[in-house]
Amino acid sequence: MQSAGLRAISSVHTLESLTIRKGSSLISSDFVSAFSDKKLENLIDLDLSECCNLSDFGLMIIAKNCETLASLKLCWCWELTDKSLIFVVRYCKYLINLNLCGVIRLDGEFLCEIPSKLLGLKTLDLEQCPRIEFSDLMAIKRKKPKIIIKDYYGESVEYED
């Protein structure tokens, strides 16, 4: 995928599902341009896995302009940090599935808001996220016992009294 391709896709305002995997030639400004001004506000399912140049600013623009997302996959987007995930939690309140496998710079600051902001979240995948504390995952599980959470090893987190 090149910049021109993403620009062309962003003109399809009725688009509900978009998968761009391994978009290594796309830079942060491509994402900002494509997702700004509510161009893709009807998206429900977005997979940007392995788009290694997606920045925090790019994801913040996506979160603010795609508030109806139900599924968001950002696997192996190495530049992302808690800063942009806080925006996702605050703006994308209809999320059901959030997959952050391999987003290695996450510390877990965004996790504390999940129980109160993402009421419909059913799955949270944090596999291969080395800086996420298991205790933070347990805190979510205590407040949302039905949620399926995958830990660093891909194991389901089970609530323990």
N, C-alpha and C. Protein backbone atom coordinates (compact mmCIF):
# COMPACT_ATOMS: atom_id res chain seq x y z
N MET A 1 0.86 -1.18 0.00
CA MET A 1 0.00 0.00 0.00
C MET A 1 0.89 1.23 0.00
N GLN A 2 0.58 2.13 -0.85
CA GLN A 2 1.29 3.40 -0.96
C GLN A 2 0.39 4.53 -0.45
N SER A 3 0.96 5.71 -0.29
CA SER A 3 0.21 6.87 0.19
C SER A 3 -1.00 7.17 -0.67
N ALA A 4 -0.84 7.10 -1.98
CA ALA A 4 -1.94 7.40 -2.90
C ALA A 4 -3.09 6.42 -2.72
N GLY A 5 -2.77 5.17 -2.45
CA GLY A 5 -3.81 4.16 -2.24
C GLY A 5 -4.64 4.45 -1.00
N LEU A 6 -3.96 4.84 0.07
CA LEU A 6 -4.67 5.17 1.30
C LEU A 6 -5.52 6.42 1.12
N ARG A 7 -5.00 7.40 0.39
CA ARG A 7 -5.79 8.61 0.09
C ARG A 7 -7.05 8.24 -0.67
N ALA A 8 -6.93 7.35 -1.66
CA ALA A 8 -8.09 6.94 -2.46
C ALA A 8 -9.11 6.21 -1.58
N ILE A 9 -8.63 5.34 -0.71
CA ILE A 9 -9.53 4.61 0.19
C ILE A 9 -10.29 5.57 1.10
N SER A 10 -9.62 6.62 1.53
CA SER A 10 -10.26 7.56 2.47
C SER A 10 -11.40 8.34 1.84
N SER A 11 -11.53 8.28 0.52
CA SER A 11 -12.66 8.97 -0.14
C SER A 11 -13.91 8.10 -0.16
N VAL A 12 -13.81 6.85 0.28
CA VAL A 12 -14.97 5.96 0.34
C VAL A 12 -15.58 6.12 1.73
N HIS A 13 -16.41 7.13 1.86
CA HIS A 13 -16.93 7.54 3.17
C HIS A 13 -17.87 6.53 3.83
N THR A 14 -18.40 5.59 3.05
CA THR A 14 -19.32 4.60 3.59
C THR A 14 -18.62 3.33 4.04
N LEU A 15 -17.31 3.29 3.92
CA LEU A 15 -16.53 2.10 4.26
C LEU A 15 -16.73 1.72 5.72
N GLU A 16 -17.01 0.43 5.97
CA GLU A 16 -17.22 -0.06 7.34
C GLU A 16 -16.09 -0.95 7.84
N SER A 17 -15.32 -1.53 6.93
CA SER A 17 -14.24 -2.42 7.31
C SER A 17 -13.00 -2.11 6.46
N LEU A 18 -11.86 -2.05 7.13
CA LEU A 18 -10.61 -1.74 6.43
C LEU A 18 -9.47 -2.53 7.05
N THR A 19 -8.74 -3.24 6.21
CA THR A 19 -7.55 -3.97 6.65
C THR A 19 -6.37 -3.50 5.81
N ILE A 20 -5.37 -2.98 6.48
CA ILE A 20 -4.10 -2.61 5.84
C ILE A 20 -3.02 -3.27 6.69
N ARG A 21 -2.52 -4.39 6.22
CA ARG A 21 -1.49 -5.12 6.97
C ARG A 21 -0.16 -4.92 6.28
N LYS A 22 0.88 -4.81 7.10
CA LYS A 22 2.24 -4.64 6.62
C LYS A 22 2.38 -3.39 5.75
N GLY A 23 1.74 -2.32 6.19
CA GLY A 23 1.80 -1.05 5.47
C GLY A 23 3.07 -0.30 5.80
N SER A 24 4.22 -0.91 5.58
CA SER A 24 5.49 -0.32 5.98
C SER A 24 5.89 0.90 5.16
N SER A 25 5.30 1.07 3.99
CA SER A 25 5.63 2.25 3.19
C SER A 25 4.78 3.46 3.56
N LEU A 26 3.76 3.23 4.39
CA LEU A 26 2.93 4.35 4.85
C LEU A 26 3.62 5.03 6.02
N ILE A 27 3.57 6.35 6.03
CA ILE A 27 4.16 7.12 7.13
C ILE A 27 3.04 7.76 7.95
N SER A 28 3.41 8.28 9.09
CA SER A 28 2.43 8.83 10.02
C SER A 28 1.49 9.84 9.36
N SER A 29 2.04 10.71 8.56
CA SER A 29 1.20 11.74 7.93
C SER A 29 0.18 11.15 6.96
N ASP A 30 0.46 9.97 6.40
CA ASP A 30 -0.53 9.31 5.54
C ASP A 30 -1.77 8.93 6.35
N PHE A 31 -1.55 8.41 7.55
CA PHE A 31 -2.67 8.03 8.41
C PHE A 31 -3.44 9.26 8.87
N VAL A 32 -2.72 10.32 9.23
CA VAL A 32 -3.36 11.56 9.67
C VAL A 32 -4.25 12.10 8.56
N SER A 33 -3.71 12.16 7.35
CA SER A 33 -4.47 12.68 6.21
C SER A 33 -5.70 11.82 5.90
N ALA A 34 -5.53 10.51 5.92
CA ALA A 34 -6.63 9.61 5.55
C ALA A 34 -7.76 9.60 6.56
N PHE A 35 -7.43 9.72 7.84
CA PHE A 35 -8.45 9.56 8.88
C PHE A 35 -8.97 10.87 9.46
N SER A 36 -8.41 11.99 9.09
CA SER A 36 -8.86 13.27 9.65
C SER A 36 -10.20 13.69 9.04
N ASP A 37 -10.82 14.66 9.65
CA ASP A 37 -12.07 15.26 9.17
C ASP A 37 -13.20 14.25 8.98
N LYS A 38 -13.22 13.21 9.81
CA LYS A 38 -14.31 12.22 9.81
C LYS A 38 -14.48 11.53 8.45
N LYS A 39 -13.41 11.47 7.65
CA LYS A 39 -13.50 10.84 6.32
C LYS A 39 -13.93 9.38 6.40
N LEU A 40 -13.47 8.68 7.41
CA LEU A 40 -13.78 7.26 7.54
C LEU A 40 -14.54 6.98 8.84
N GLU A 41 -15.45 7.88 9.17
CA GLU A 41 -16.16 7.79 10.44
C GLU A 41 -17.11 6.60 10.55
N ASN A 42 -17.41 5.95 9.45
CA ASN A 42 -18.32 4.80 9.48
C ASN A 42 -17.62 3.47 9.72
N LEU A 43 -16.31 3.51 9.88
CA LEU A 43 -15.58 2.27 10.10
C LEU A 43 -16.03 1.58 11.39
N ILE A 44 -16.22 0.29 11.28
CA ILE A 44 -16.57 -0.54 12.43
C ILE A 44 -15.40 -1.47 12.76
N ASP A 45 -14.71 -1.91 11.71
CA ASP A 45 -13.61 -2.86 11.85
C ASP A 45 -12.37 -2.29 11.18
N LEU A 46 -11.30 -2.15 11.96
CA LEU A 46 -10.05 -1.58 11.43
C LEU A 46 -8.88 -2.44 11.87
N ASP A 47 -8.11 -2.89 10.89
CA ASP A 47 -6.91 -3.70 11.15
C ASP A 47 -5.72 -3.01 10.50
N LEU A 48 -4.84 -2.46 11.33
CA LEU A 48 -3.62 -1.80 10.86
C LEU A 48 -2.38 -2.56 11.34
N SER A 49 -2.52 -3.84 11.53
CA SER A 49 -1.43 -4.66 12.03
C SER A 49 -0.20 -4.55 11.13
N GLU A 50 0.94 -4.43 11.79
CA GLU A 50 2.24 -4.33 11.13
C GLU A 50 2.41 -3.06 10.30
N CYS A 51 1.63 -2.05 10.59
CA CYS A 51 1.87 -0.73 10.01
C CYS A 51 2.86 -0.04 10.96
N CYS A 52 4.11 -0.34 10.76
CA CYS A 52 5.15 0.00 11.74
C CYS A 52 5.42 1.49 11.87
N ASN A 53 4.91 2.30 10.96
CA ASN A 53 5.12 3.75 11.06
C ASN A 53 3.92 4.50 11.62
N LEU A 54 2.91 3.77 12.02
CA LEU A 54 1.76 4.43 12.66
C LEU A 54 2.23 5.00 13.99
N SER A 55 2.07 6.29 14.15
CA SER A 55 2.55 6.99 15.36
C SER A 55 1.40 7.21 16.34
N ASP A 56 1.76 7.65 17.53
CA ASP A 56 0.74 8.02 18.51
C ASP A 56 -0.20 9.08 17.94
N PHE A 57 0.37 10.09 17.27
CA PHE A 57 -0.47 11.16 16.73
C PHE A 57 -1.45 10.59 15.69
N GLY A 58 -0.96 9.69 14.85
CA GLY A 58 -1.83 9.08 13.85
C GLY A 58 -2.97 8.31 14.49
N LEU A 59 -2.66 7.54 15.54
CA LEU A 59 -3.71 6.78 16.22
C LEU A 59 -4.67 7.71 16.96
N MET A 60 -4.20 8.81 17.49
CA MET A 60 -5.09 9.77 18.14
C MET A 60 -6.09 10.33 17.14
N ILE A 61 -5.63 10.63 15.94
CA ILE A 61 -6.52 11.13 14.89
C ILE A 61 -7.56 10.06 14.54
N ILE A 62 -7.11 8.83 14.42
CA ILE A 62 -8.03 7.73 14.12
C ILE A 62 -9.08 7.62 15.22
N ALA A 63 -8.66 7.61 16.47
CA ALA A 63 -9.61 7.48 17.59
C ALA A 63 -10.63 8.61 17.60
N LYS A 64 -10.19 9.82 17.36
CA LYS A 64 -11.11 10.97 17.40
C LYS A 64 -12.07 10.99 16.22
N ASN A 65 -11.70 10.35 15.12
CA ASN A 65 -12.51 10.42 13.90
C ASN A 65 -13.22 9.13 13.54
N CYS A 66 -12.98 8.07 14.28
CA CYS A 66 -13.62 6.77 14.03
C CYS A 66 -14.20 6.25 15.34
N GLU A 67 -15.10 7.00 15.91
CA GLU A 67 -15.63 6.68 17.23
C GLU A 67 -16.54 5.47 17.26
N THR A 68 -16.99 4.97 16.10
CA THR A 68 -17.89 3.83 16.07
C THR A 68 -17.17 2.49 15.91
N LEU A 69 -15.86 2.49 16.00
CA LEU A 69 -15.11 1.25 15.86
C LEU A 69 -15.56 0.21 16.88
N ALA A 70 -15.77 -1.01 16.41
CA ALA A 70 -16.08 -2.13 17.30
C ALA A 70 -14.89 -3.06 17.42
N SER A 71 -14.06 -3.10 16.39
CA SER A 71 -12.89 -3.97 16.40
C SER A 71 -11.68 -3.18 15.91
N LEU A 72 -10.61 -3.23 16.70
CA LEU A 72 -9.39 -2.51 16.36
C LEU A 72 -8.20 -3.44 16.59
N LYS A 73 -7.44 -3.68 15.51
CA LYS A 73 -6.26 -4.53 15.58
C LYS A 73 -5.04 -3.68 15.22
N LEU A 74 -4.11 -3.63 16.15
CA LEU A 74 -2.89 -2.83 15.98
C LEU A 74 -1.64 -3.68 16.26
N CYS A 75 -1.71 -4.95 15.94
CA CYS A 75 -0.62 -5.87 16.23
C CYS A 75 0.68 -5.40 15.59
N TRP A 76 1.74 -5.45 16.38
CA TRP A 76 3.10 -5.14 15.93
C TRP A 76 3.25 -3.72 15.40
N CYS A 77 2.46 -2.80 15.91
CA CYS A 77 2.64 -1.37 15.61
C CYS A 77 3.56 -0.82 16.69
N TRP A 78 4.85 -0.91 16.47
CA TRP A 78 5.87 -0.70 17.49
C TRP A 78 6.00 0.72 18.00
N GLU A 79 5.52 1.70 17.27
CA GLU A 79 5.69 3.09 17.69
C GLU A 79 4.64 3.55 18.69
N LEU A 80 3.60 2.79 18.86
CA LEU A 80 2.48 3.21 19.71
C LEU A 80 2.82 3.09 21.19
N THR A 81 2.32 4.04 21.97
CA THR A 81 2.50 4.05 23.42
C THR A 81 1.14 4.24 24.10
N ASP A 82 1.18 4.27 25.41
CA ASP A 82 -0.04 4.49 26.19
C ASP A 82 -0.71 5.81 25.85
N LYS A 83 0.07 6.78 25.45
CA LYS A 83 -0.47 8.11 25.13
C LYS A 83 -1.61 8.01 24.11
N SER A 84 -1.42 7.25 23.04
CA SER A 84 -2.46 7.13 22.02
C SER A 84 -3.54 6.14 22.43
N LEU A 85 -3.18 5.12 23.20
CA LEU A 85 -4.19 4.16 23.63
C LEU A 85 -5.17 4.78 24.61
N ILE A 86 -4.75 5.77 25.36
CA ILE A 86 -5.68 6.52 26.22
C ILE A 86 -6.75 7.18 25.35
N PHE A 87 -6.37 7.72 24.20
CA PHE A 87 -7.33 8.31 23.28
C PHE A 87 -8.30 7.25 22.76
N VAL A 88 -7.79 6.09 22.42
CA VAL A 88 -8.65 5.00 21.94
C VAL A 88 -9.69 4.66 22.99
N VAL A 89 -9.27 4.50 24.22
CA VAL A 89 -10.19 4.14 25.31
C VAL A 89 -11.23 5.23 25.53
N ARG A 90 -10.82 6.47 25.42
CA ARG A 90 -11.75 7.58 25.69
C ARG A 90 -12.69 7.88 24.53
N TYR A 91 -12.26 7.69 23.30
CA TYR A 91 -13.08 8.06 22.15
C TYR A 91 -13.81 6.89 21.50
N CYS A 92 -13.24 5.72 21.50
CA CYS A 92 -13.83 4.56 20.81
C CYS A 92 -14.63 3.72 21.79
N LYS A 93 -15.70 4.29 22.29
CA LYS A 93 -16.45 3.69 23.40
C LYS A 93 -17.27 2.46 22.99
N TYR A 94 -17.34 2.16 21.70
CA TYR A 94 -18.11 1.00 21.24
C TYR A 94 -17.22 -0.22 20.96
N LEU A 95 -15.95 -0.13 21.32
CA LEU A 95 -15.05 -1.24 21.05
C LEU A 95 -15.51 -2.53 21.72
N ILE A 96 -15.45 -3.60 20.96
CA ILE A 96 -15.76 -4.93 21.47
C ILE A 96 -14.47 -5.75 21.52
N ASN A 97 -13.63 -5.58 20.51
CA ASN A 97 -12.37 -6.31 20.41
C ASN A 97 -11.22 -5.34 20.23
N LEU A 98 -10.19 -5.48 21.06
CA LEU A 98 -8.99 -4.65 20.97
C LEU A 98 -7.78 -5.57 21.00
N ASN A 99 -7.06 -5.62 19.88
CA ASN A 99 -5.90 -6.51 19.76
C ASN A 99 -4.64 -5.68 19.64
N LEU A 100 -3.78 -5.79 20.66
CA LEU A 100 -2.54 -5.02 20.74
C LEU A 100 -1.32 -5.93 20.82
N CYS A 101 -1.43 -7.10 20.25
CA CYS A 101 -0.34 -8.07 20.28
C CYS A 101 0.95 -7.46 19.73
N GLY A 102 2.02 -7.53 20.51
CA GLY A 102 3.32 -7.08 20.06
C GLY A 102 3.54 -5.57 20.06
N VAL A 103 2.63 -4.82 20.68
CA VAL A 103 2.83 -3.37 20.79
C VAL A 103 3.73 -3.17 22.02
N ILE A 104 5.03 -3.23 21.77
CA ILE A 104 6.02 -3.42 22.83
C ILE A 104 6.28 -2.21 23.72
N ARG A 105 5.83 -1.02 23.32
CA ARG A 105 6.11 0.17 24.11
C ARG A 105 5.00 0.51 25.12
N LEU A 106 3.99 -0.32 25.20
CA LEU A 106 2.89 -0.06 26.14
C LEU A 106 3.32 -0.37 27.56
N ASP A 107 2.97 0.53 28.49
CA ASP A 107 3.26 0.35 29.91
C ASP A 107 2.01 -0.03 30.71
N GLY A 108 0.84 0.20 30.14
CA GLY A 108 -0.40 -0.16 30.82
C GLY A 108 -1.15 0.98 31.45
N GLU A 109 -0.68 2.22 31.26
CA GLU A 109 -1.38 3.37 31.85
C GLU A 109 -2.83 3.48 31.38
N PHE A 110 -3.09 3.06 30.16
CA PHE A 110 -4.43 3.17 29.58
C PHE A 110 -5.40 2.13 30.14
N LEU A 111 -4.88 1.09 30.74
CA LEU A 111 -5.71 -0.03 31.18
C LEU A 111 -6.72 0.34 32.28
N CYS A 112 -6.36 1.24 33.17
CA CYS A 112 -7.23 1.55 34.31
C CYS A 112 -8.57 2.15 33.89
N GLU A 113 -8.63 2.76 32.71
CA GLU A 113 -9.88 3.38 32.26
C GLU A 113 -10.79 2.41 31.50
N ILE A 114 -10.28 1.25 31.14
CA ILE A 114 -11.07 0.31 30.34
C ILE A 114 -12.39 -0.09 31.01
N PRO A 115 -12.40 -0.49 32.28
CA PRO A 115 -13.68 -0.93 32.88
C PRO A 115 -14.78 0.14 32.87
N SER A 116 -14.41 1.40 33.01
CA SER A 116 -15.44 2.45 33.07
C SER A 116 -15.75 3.06 31.70
N LYS A 117 -14.85 2.96 30.75
CA LYS A 117 -15.06 3.61 29.44
C LYS A 117 -15.49 2.64 28.34
N LEU A 118 -14.93 1.43 28.34
CA LEU A 118 -15.24 0.46 27.29
C LEU A 118 -16.17 -0.62 27.85
N LEU A 119 -17.41 -0.24 28.04
CA LEU A 119 -18.37 -1.11 28.71
C LEU A 119 -18.67 -2.38 27.93
N GLY A 120 -18.57 -2.33 26.61
CA GLY A 120 -18.89 -3.50 25.79
C GLY A 120 -17.68 -4.32 25.37
N LEU A 121 -16.50 -3.97 25.86
CA LEU A 121 -15.30 -4.69 25.46
C LEU A 121 -15.37 -6.15 25.91
N LYS A 122 -15.18 -7.06 24.93
CA LYS A 122 -15.25 -8.49 25.23
C LYS A 122 -13.90 -9.16 25.17
N THR A 123 -13.01 -8.67 24.30
CA THR A 123 -11.67 -9.27 24.21
C THR A 123 -10.60 -8.20 24.18
N LEU A 124 -9.54 -8.48 24.91
CA LEU A 124 -8.37 -7.60 24.99
C LEU A 124 -7.13 -8.47 24.87
N ASP A 125 -6.39 -8.32 23.77
CA ASP A 125 -5.22 -9.15 23.51
C ASP A 125 -3.96 -8.33 23.72
N LEU A 126 -3.20 -8.70 24.74
CA LEU A 126 -1.94 -8.02 25.07
C LEU A 126 -0.76 -8.99 25.00
N GLU A 127 -0.90 -9.98 24.14
CA GLU A 127 0.16 -10.96 23.95
C GLU A 127 1.42 -10.26 23.43
N GLN A 128 2.57 -10.66 23.95
CA GLN A 128 3.87 -10.12 23.55
C GLN A 128 4.01 -8.62 23.84
N CYS A 129 3.34 -8.15 24.87
CA CYS A 129 3.50 -6.78 25.36
C CYS A 129 4.28 -6.87 26.67
N PRO A 130 5.60 -6.77 26.61
CA PRO A 130 6.45 -7.12 27.76
C PRO A 130 6.35 -6.21 28.97
N ARG A 131 5.86 -4.99 28.80
CA ARG A 131 5.85 -4.04 29.92
C ARG A 131 4.50 -3.96 30.64
N ILE A 132 3.55 -4.76 30.21
CA ILE A 132 2.24 -4.78 30.85
C ILE A 132 2.31 -5.69 32.08
N GLU A 133 1.87 -5.19 33.21
CA GLU A 133 1.89 -5.93 34.46
C GLU A 133 0.66 -6.85 34.57
N PHE A 134 0.89 -8.06 34.98
CA PHE A 134 -0.20 -9.02 35.16
C PHE A 134 -1.23 -8.50 36.17
N SER A 135 -0.77 -7.80 37.19
CA SER A 135 -1.69 -7.25 38.20
C SER A 135 -2.68 -6.26 37.58
N ASP A 136 -2.26 -5.52 36.56
CA ASP A 136 -3.17 -4.59 35.87
C ASP A 136 -4.25 -5.36 35.11
N LEU A 137 -3.87 -6.50 34.54
CA LEU A 137 -4.85 -7.32 33.83
C LEU A 137 -5.85 -7.92 34.81
N MET A 138 -5.37 -8.32 35.97
CA MET A 138 -6.25 -8.87 37.00
C MET A 138 -7.23 -7.81 37.51
N ALA A 139 -6.78 -6.58 37.59
CA ALA A 139 -7.65 -5.49 38.04
C ALA A 139 -8.82 -5.30 37.07
N ILE A 140 -8.55 -5.41 35.78
CA ILE A 140 -9.63 -5.33 34.78
C ILE A 140 -10.56 -6.52 34.94
N LYS A 141 -9.98 -7.69 35.05
CA LYS A 141 -10.77 -8.93 35.15
C LYS A 141 -11.68 -8.92 36.38
N ARG A 142 -11.22 -8.33 37.48
CA ARG A 142 -12.05 -8.21 38.67
C ARG A 142 -13.28 -7.36 38.41
N LYS A 143 -13.10 -6.30 37.65
CA LYS A 143 -14.21 -5.38 37.38
C LYS A 143 -15.08 -5.84 36.21
N LYS A 144 -14.49 -6.61 35.29
CA LYS A 144 -15.21 -7.11 34.12
C LYS A 144 -14.95 -8.61 33.99
N PRO A 145 -15.59 -9.42 34.83
CA PRO A 145 -15.27 -10.85 34.89
C PRO A 145 -15.48 -11.61 33.58
N LYS A 146 -16.35 -11.13 32.71
CA LYS A 146 -16.65 -11.86 31.47
C LYS A 146 -15.68 -11.53 30.33
N ILE A 147 -14.85 -10.53 30.49
CA ILE A 147 -13.92 -10.15 29.43
C ILE A 147 -12.86 -11.24 29.25
N ILE A 148 -12.46 -11.45 28.00
CA ILE A 148 -11.38 -12.38 27.69
C ILE A 148 -10.12 -11.55 27.49
N ILE A 149 -9.13 -11.78 28.33
CA ILE A 149 -7.87 -11.04 28.26
C ILE A 149 -6.76 -12.04 28.02
N LYS A 150 -5.92 -11.76 27.01
CA LYS A 150 -4.74 -12.58 26.77
C LYS A 150 -3.52 -11.86 27.33
N ASP A 151 -2.72 -12.58 28.11
CA ASP A 151 -1.52 -12.01 28.71
C ASP A 151 -0.33 -12.12 27.75
N TYR A 152 0.84 -11.78 28.24
CA TYR A 152 2.07 -11.79 27.43
C TYR A 152 2.26 -13.11 26.69
N TYR A 153 1.94 -14.22 27.32
CA TYR A 153 2.16 -15.54 26.76
C TYR A 153 1.00 -16.04 25.90
N GLY A 154 -0.03 -15.22 25.75
CA GLY A 154 -1.20 -15.64 24.98
C GLY A 154 -2.18 -16.47 25.78
N GLU A 155 -1.96 -16.53 27.08
CA GLU A 155 -2.84 -17.29 27.97
C GLU A 155 -4.00 -16.41 28.43
N SER A 156 -5.17 -17.01 28.58
CA SER A 156 -6.31 -16.27 29.09
C SER A 156 -6.11 -15.98 30.58
N VAL A 157 -6.38 -14.74 30.94
CA VAL A 157 -6.28 -14.33 32.33
C VAL A 157 -7.55 -14.77 33.05
N GLU A 158 -7.38 -15.53 34.10
CA GLU A 158 -8.51 -16.01 34.89
C GLU A 158 -8.50 -15.29 36.23
N TYR A 159 -9.69 -14.90 36.65
CA TYR A 159 -9.82 -14.21 37.93
C TYR A 159 -9.57 -15.17 39.08
N GLU A 160 -8.72 -14.75 40.00
CA GLU A 160 -8.42 -15.56 41.19
C GLU A 160 -8.76 -14.76 42.43
N ASP A 161 -9.54 -15.33 43.32
CA ASP A 161 -9.90 -14.63 44.57
C ASP A 161 -8.72 -14.54 45.49
